[in-house]
Amino acid sequence: MSDERHQERMHRPSSRMARRKGRVRKSPPAPAEPEAQALPAEEEAAAPRRFAPTRLIPIWLRLVIVTVLMAICLAAGAVVGYSAIGDGAWLDVFRPSTWQHILDFVEKGT
């Protein structure tokens, strides 16, 4: 009788979930032989080569693009602010005299 109980314990699944589902633990797969993994010289040449992924746009070019886009946005914001909100001519925003007037106005206020 004790032998039968011992045999039942050996075949019984160890985890509670496995016992509910009636599964038995599987043993890990045996390691493959190193000879079976190596490809013969003919197949090795025919096997597709994997290349490292390359960037479509290099990082230095991304930085240049971001800087140019920021300058464009700054100019567009100045044009909209000066012409639409400030009722000035949109080309006047690029004249140095306009910026000198703005700086004089800001420094006079302090």
N, C-alpha and C. Protein backbone atom coordinates (compact mmCIF):
# COMPACT_ATOMS: atom_id res chain seq x y z
N MET A 1 0.81 -1.18 0.00
CA MET A 1 0.00 0.00 0.00
C MET A 1 0.86 1.26 0.00
N SER A 2 1.92 1.27 0.75
CA SER A 2 2.79 2.43 0.75
C SER A 2 3.50 2.59 -0.59
N ASP A 3 3.75 1.47 -1.29
CA ASP A 3 4.37 1.57 -2.60
C ASP A 3 3.44 2.24 -3.61
N GLU A 4 2.15 1.93 -3.51
CA GLU A 4 1.20 2.54 -4.44
C GLU A 4 1.11 4.06 -4.23
N ARG A 5 1.11 4.49 -2.97
CA ARG A 5 1.07 5.92 -2.67
C ARG A 5 2.34 6.61 -3.17
N HIS A 6 3.45 5.93 -2.99
CA HIS A 6 4.70 6.50 -3.43
C HIS A 6 4.72 6.65 -4.95
N GLN A 7 4.19 5.69 -5.67
CA GLN A 7 4.13 5.75 -7.13
C GLN A 7 3.19 6.87 -7.58
N GLU A 8 2.07 7.06 -6.87
CA GLU A 8 1.15 8.14 -7.23
C GLU A 8 1.80 9.50 -7.05
N ARG A 9 2.58 9.67 -6.00
CA ARG A 9 3.24 10.94 -5.76
C ARG A 9 4.27 11.24 -6.84
N MET A 10 4.92 10.26 -7.35
CA MET A 10 5.94 10.46 -8.37
C MET A 10 5.32 10.97 -9.68
N HIS A 11 4.11 10.54 -10.00
CA HIS A 11 3.48 10.90 -11.26
C HIS A 11 2.54 12.09 -11.13
N ARG A 12 2.30 12.55 -9.94
CA ARG A 12 1.40 13.65 -9.72
C ARG A 12 2.07 14.99 -10.09
N PRO A 13 1.38 15.90 -10.78
CA PRO A 13 1.96 17.20 -11.10
C PRO A 13 2.26 18.00 -9.84
N SER A 14 3.28 18.83 -9.89
CA SER A 14 3.71 19.52 -8.68
C SER A 14 2.96 20.84 -8.43
N SER A 15 2.55 21.55 -9.45
CA SER A 15 1.89 22.82 -9.22
C SER A 15 0.37 22.65 -9.14
N ARG A 16 -0.26 23.58 -8.45
CA ARG A 16 -1.70 23.51 -8.26
C ARG A 16 -2.43 23.66 -9.59
N MET A 17 -1.96 24.60 -10.44
CA MET A 17 -2.60 24.82 -11.73
C MET A 17 -2.46 23.58 -12.61
N ALA A 18 -1.31 22.95 -12.56
CA ALA A 18 -1.09 21.76 -13.37
C ALA A 18 -2.00 20.62 -12.88
N ARG A 19 -2.19 20.57 -11.58
CA ARG A 19 -3.08 19.53 -11.06
C ARG A 19 -4.52 19.78 -11.49
N ARG A 20 -4.95 21.06 -11.54
CA ARG A 20 -6.31 21.37 -11.97
C ARG A 20 -6.51 20.98 -13.43
N LYS A 21 -5.54 21.25 -14.23
CA LYS A 21 -5.68 20.98 -15.65
C LYS A 21 -5.29 19.56 -16.01
N GLY A 22 -4.75 18.83 -15.07
CA GLY A 22 -4.38 17.45 -15.33
C GLY A 22 -3.09 17.31 -16.14
N ARG A 23 -2.26 18.34 -16.12
CA ARG A 23 -1.02 18.28 -16.86
C ARG A 23 0.10 17.71 -16.00
N VAL A 24 1.05 17.15 -16.67
CA VAL A 24 2.23 16.63 -16.00
C VAL A 24 3.41 17.47 -16.45
N ARG A 25 4.33 17.73 -15.54
CA ARG A 25 5.51 18.52 -15.89
C ARG A 25 6.34 17.82 -16.94
N LYS A 26 6.81 18.62 -17.87
CA LYS A 26 7.65 18.06 -18.92
C LYS A 26 9.10 18.29 -18.56
N SER A 27 9.93 17.37 -18.96
CA SER A 27 11.37 17.53 -18.71
C SER A 27 11.93 18.48 -19.75
N PRO A 28 12.99 19.23 -19.42
CA PRO A 28 13.57 20.16 -20.39
C PRO A 28 14.14 19.40 -21.57
N PRO A 29 14.15 20.02 -22.76
CA PRO A 29 14.66 19.33 -23.93
C PRO A 29 16.15 19.07 -23.81
N ALA A 30 16.58 18.00 -24.42
CA ALA A 30 17.99 17.64 -24.38
C ALA A 30 18.77 18.61 -25.26
N PRO A 31 19.98 18.99 -24.85
CA PRO A 31 20.76 19.92 -25.67
C PRO A 31 21.16 19.27 -26.99
N ALA A 32 21.17 20.07 -28.04
CA ALA A 32 21.53 19.56 -29.36
C ALA A 32 23.02 19.32 -29.45
N GLU A 33 23.39 18.40 -30.28
CA GLU A 33 24.81 18.10 -30.45
C GLU A 33 25.46 19.21 -31.26
N PRO A 34 26.69 19.59 -30.93
CA PRO A 34 27.34 20.66 -31.66
C PRO A 34 27.58 20.33 -33.13
N GLU A 35 27.76 19.07 -33.46
CA GLU A 35 27.99 18.67 -34.85
C GLU A 35 26.72 18.88 -35.69
N ALA A 36 25.56 18.67 -35.09
CA ALA A 36 24.31 18.80 -35.82
C ALA A 36 24.00 20.28 -36.10
N GLN A 37 24.50 21.18 -35.27
CA GLN A 37 24.23 22.60 -35.45
C GLN A 37 25.08 23.22 -36.55
N ALA A 38 26.28 22.72 -36.76
CA ALA A 38 27.17 23.31 -37.75
C ALA A 38 26.70 22.97 -39.16
N LEU A 39 26.74 23.97 -40.06
CA LEU A 39 26.34 23.76 -41.44
C LEU A 39 27.54 23.33 -42.26
N PRO A 40 27.34 22.47 -43.23
CA PRO A 40 28.44 22.14 -44.13
C PRO A 40 28.84 23.37 -44.95
N ALA A 41 30.01 23.32 -45.56
CA ALA A 41 30.54 24.48 -46.29
C ALA A 41 29.62 24.91 -47.42
N GLU A 42 28.96 23.99 -48.11
CA GLU A 42 28.06 24.33 -49.22
C GLU A 42 26.84 25.09 -48.72
N GLU A 43 26.22 24.59 -47.65
CA GLU A 43 25.01 25.21 -47.12
C GLU A 43 25.33 26.54 -46.45
N GLU A 44 26.53 26.64 -45.88
CA GLU A 44 26.91 27.88 -45.20
C GLU A 44 27.02 29.02 -46.20
N ALA A 45 27.53 28.74 -47.38
CA ALA A 45 27.66 29.77 -48.40
C ALA A 45 26.29 30.16 -48.96
N ALA A 46 25.37 29.21 -49.03
CA ALA A 46 24.05 29.48 -49.58
C ALA A 46 23.11 30.13 -48.56
N ALA A 47 23.46 30.06 -47.28
CA ALA A 47 22.59 30.63 -46.24
C ALA A 47 22.56 32.15 -46.38
N PRO A 48 21.38 32.78 -46.20
CA PRO A 48 21.30 34.24 -46.33
C PRO A 48 22.08 34.93 -45.21
N ARG A 49 22.78 36.01 -45.57
CA ARG A 49 23.55 36.74 -44.57
C ARG A 49 22.66 37.80 -43.95
N ARG A 50 22.84 38.01 -42.68
CA ARG A 50 22.08 39.04 -41.97
C ARG A 50 22.95 40.28 -41.85
N PHE A 51 22.39 41.42 -42.23
CA PHE A 51 23.10 42.67 -42.13
C PHE A 51 22.59 43.45 -40.94
N ALA A 52 23.47 44.23 -40.36
CA ALA A 52 23.07 45.09 -39.24
C ALA A 52 22.18 46.20 -39.78
N PRO A 53 21.12 46.56 -39.08
CA PRO A 53 20.25 47.63 -39.57
C PRO A 53 20.99 48.97 -39.57
N THR A 54 20.83 49.73 -40.63
CA THR A 54 21.44 51.05 -40.72
C THR A 54 20.36 52.11 -40.62
N ARG A 55 20.75 53.29 -40.17
CA ARG A 55 19.80 54.39 -40.05
C ARG A 55 19.52 54.98 -41.42
N LEU A 56 18.26 55.28 -41.65
CA LEU A 56 17.88 55.90 -42.91
C LEU A 56 18.39 57.33 -42.98
N ILE A 57 18.28 58.05 -41.86
CA ILE A 57 18.77 59.42 -41.76
C ILE A 57 19.79 59.44 -40.61
N PRO A 58 21.05 59.81 -40.88
CA PRO A 58 22.05 59.84 -39.81
C PRO A 58 21.69 60.84 -38.71
N ILE A 59 22.24 60.63 -37.53
CA ILE A 59 21.91 61.47 -36.38
C ILE A 59 22.34 62.92 -36.62
N TRP A 60 23.51 63.14 -37.21
CA TRP A 60 23.96 64.52 -37.44
C TRP A 60 23.02 65.25 -38.39
N LEU A 61 22.48 64.52 -39.37
CA LEU A 61 21.53 65.15 -40.30
C LEU A 61 20.20 65.44 -39.60
N ARG A 62 19.81 64.58 -38.69
CA ARG A 62 18.59 64.84 -37.90
C ARG A 62 18.74 66.13 -37.10
N LEU A 63 19.91 66.33 -36.49
CA LEU A 63 20.13 67.54 -35.70
C LEU A 63 20.07 68.79 -36.59
N VAL A 64 20.64 68.69 -37.77
CA VAL A 64 20.59 69.83 -38.70
C VAL A 64 19.15 70.11 -39.12
N ILE A 65 18.41 69.06 -39.42
CA ILE A 65 17.01 69.23 -39.83
C ILE A 65 16.19 69.86 -38.72
N VAL A 66 16.38 69.40 -37.49
CA VAL A 66 15.63 69.96 -36.35
C VAL A 66 15.99 71.42 -36.15
N THR A 67 17.27 71.77 -36.28
CA THR A 67 17.69 73.17 -36.11
C THR A 67 17.07 74.06 -37.19
N VAL A 68 17.07 73.59 -38.42
CA VAL A 68 16.47 74.37 -39.52
C VAL A 68 14.96 74.53 -39.30
N LEU A 69 14.30 73.45 -38.89
CA LEU A 69 12.86 73.55 -38.64
C LEU A 69 12.55 74.51 -37.49
N MET A 70 13.40 74.52 -36.47
CA MET A 70 13.19 75.46 -35.36
C MET A 70 13.34 76.91 -35.83
N ALA A 71 14.33 77.16 -36.70
CA ALA A 71 14.53 78.52 -37.23
C ALA A 71 13.34 78.94 -38.08
N ILE A 72 12.82 78.03 -38.88
CA ILE A 72 11.64 78.33 -39.71
C ILE A 72 10.43 78.64 -38.84
N CYS A 73 10.24 77.86 -37.80
CA CYS A 73 9.11 78.09 -36.89
C CYS A 73 9.26 79.42 -36.15
N LEU A 74 10.49 79.77 -35.78
CA LEU A 74 10.72 81.05 -35.11
C LEU A 74 10.40 82.21 -36.05
N ALA A 75 10.83 82.11 -37.30
CA ALA A 75 10.55 83.17 -38.27
C ALA A 75 9.06 83.26 -38.56
N ALA A 76 8.40 82.11 -38.71
CA ALA A 76 6.96 82.13 -38.98
C ALA A 76 6.19 82.71 -37.80
N GLY A 77 6.61 82.39 -36.59
CA GLY A 77 5.96 82.94 -35.40
C GLY A 77 6.15 84.44 -35.30
N ALA A 78 7.34 84.93 -35.66
CA ALA A 78 7.59 86.38 -35.63
C ALA A 78 6.75 87.09 -36.67
N VAL A 79 6.62 86.50 -37.87
CA VAL A 79 5.81 87.11 -38.92
C VAL A 79 4.35 87.18 -38.50
N VAL A 80 3.84 86.08 -37.97
CA VAL A 80 2.43 86.05 -37.53
C VAL A 80 2.23 87.04 -36.39
N GLY A 81 3.15 87.07 -35.45
CA GLY A 81 3.00 87.97 -34.31
C GLY A 81 3.08 89.43 -34.70
N TYR A 82 3.99 89.77 -35.60
CA TYR A 82 4.18 91.18 -35.98
C TYR A 82 3.14 91.65 -36.97
N SER A 83 2.78 90.80 -37.93
CA SER A 83 1.85 91.27 -38.96
C SER A 83 0.39 91.05 -38.59
N ALA A 84 0.03 89.89 -38.09
CA ALA A 84 -1.37 89.60 -37.79
C ALA A 84 -1.80 90.22 -36.47
N ILE A 85 -0.99 90.09 -35.46
CA ILE A 85 -1.37 90.60 -34.14
C ILE A 85 -0.98 92.07 -34.00
N GLY A 86 0.20 92.44 -34.54
CA GLY A 86 0.69 93.80 -34.35
C GLY A 86 0.37 94.77 -35.46
N ASP A 87 -0.35 94.35 -36.47
CA ASP A 87 -0.76 95.21 -37.58
C ASP A 87 0.41 95.86 -38.32
N GLY A 88 1.52 95.15 -38.46
CA GLY A 88 2.66 95.68 -39.22
C GLY A 88 2.80 94.92 -40.53
N ALA A 89 3.68 95.39 -41.39
CA ALA A 89 3.95 94.68 -42.64
C ALA A 89 4.78 93.44 -42.33
N TRP A 90 4.49 92.34 -43.01
CA TRP A 90 5.14 91.08 -42.64
C TRP A 90 6.62 91.07 -42.99
N LEU A 91 7.07 91.86 -43.95
CA LEU A 91 8.50 91.92 -44.27
C LEU A 91 9.28 92.80 -43.29
N ASP A 92 8.58 93.67 -42.57
CA ASP A 92 9.25 94.54 -41.61
C ASP A 92 9.85 93.77 -40.44
N VAL A 93 9.37 92.58 -40.20
CA VAL A 93 9.87 91.80 -39.07
C VAL A 93 11.33 91.37 -39.29
N PHE A 94 11.79 91.35 -40.53
CA PHE A 94 13.16 90.91 -40.83
C PHE A 94 14.14 92.09 -40.91
N ARG A 95 13.69 93.31 -40.72
CA ARG A 95 14.58 94.47 -40.74
C ARG A 95 15.23 94.67 -39.37
N PRO A 96 16.51 94.96 -39.34
CA PRO A 96 17.18 95.19 -38.04
C PRO A 96 16.62 96.40 -37.30
N SER A 97 16.14 97.41 -38.01
CA SER A 97 15.60 98.59 -37.34
C SER A 97 14.36 98.24 -36.50
N THR A 98 13.60 97.27 -36.97
CA THR A 98 12.42 96.84 -36.20
C THR A 98 12.84 96.23 -34.87
N TRP A 99 13.83 95.36 -34.93
CA TRP A 99 14.31 94.70 -33.70
C TRP A 99 15.00 95.71 -32.78
N GLN A 100 15.69 96.69 -33.35
CA GLN A 100 16.30 97.73 -32.51
C GLN A 100 15.22 98.52 -31.79
N HIS A 101 14.13 98.82 -32.48
CA HIS A 101 13.01 99.53 -31.86
C HIS A 101 12.40 98.69 -30.73
N ILE A 102 12.24 97.40 -30.96
CA ILE A 102 11.69 96.51 -29.93
C ILE A 102 12.61 96.45 -28.72
N LEU A 103 13.93 96.34 -28.95
CA LEU A 103 14.88 96.29 -27.83
C LEU A 103 14.91 97.60 -27.06
N ASP A 104 14.84 98.72 -27.76
CA ASP A 104 14.78 100.03 -27.08
C ASP A 104 13.53 100.14 -26.23
N PHE A 105 12.44 99.66 -26.73
CA PHE A 105 11.17 99.71 -25.99
C PHE A 105 11.25 98.85 -24.73
N VAL A 106 11.87 97.66 -24.84
CA VAL A 106 11.98 96.75 -23.69
C VAL A 106 12.95 97.32 -22.66
N GLU A 107 14.10 97.87 -23.11
CA GLU A 107 15.09 98.41 -22.16
C GLU A 107 14.59 99.69 -21.51
N LYS A 108 13.81 100.48 -22.19
CA LYS A 108 13.27 101.71 -21.62
C LYS A 108 12.29 101.39 -20.48
N GLY A 109 11.59 100.32 -20.62
CA GLY A 109 10.59 99.94 -19.61
C GLY A 109 11.20 99.49 -18.30
N THR A 110 12.46 99.09 -18.29
CA THR A 110 13.06 98.59 -17.05
C THR A 110 13.77 99.65 -16.26
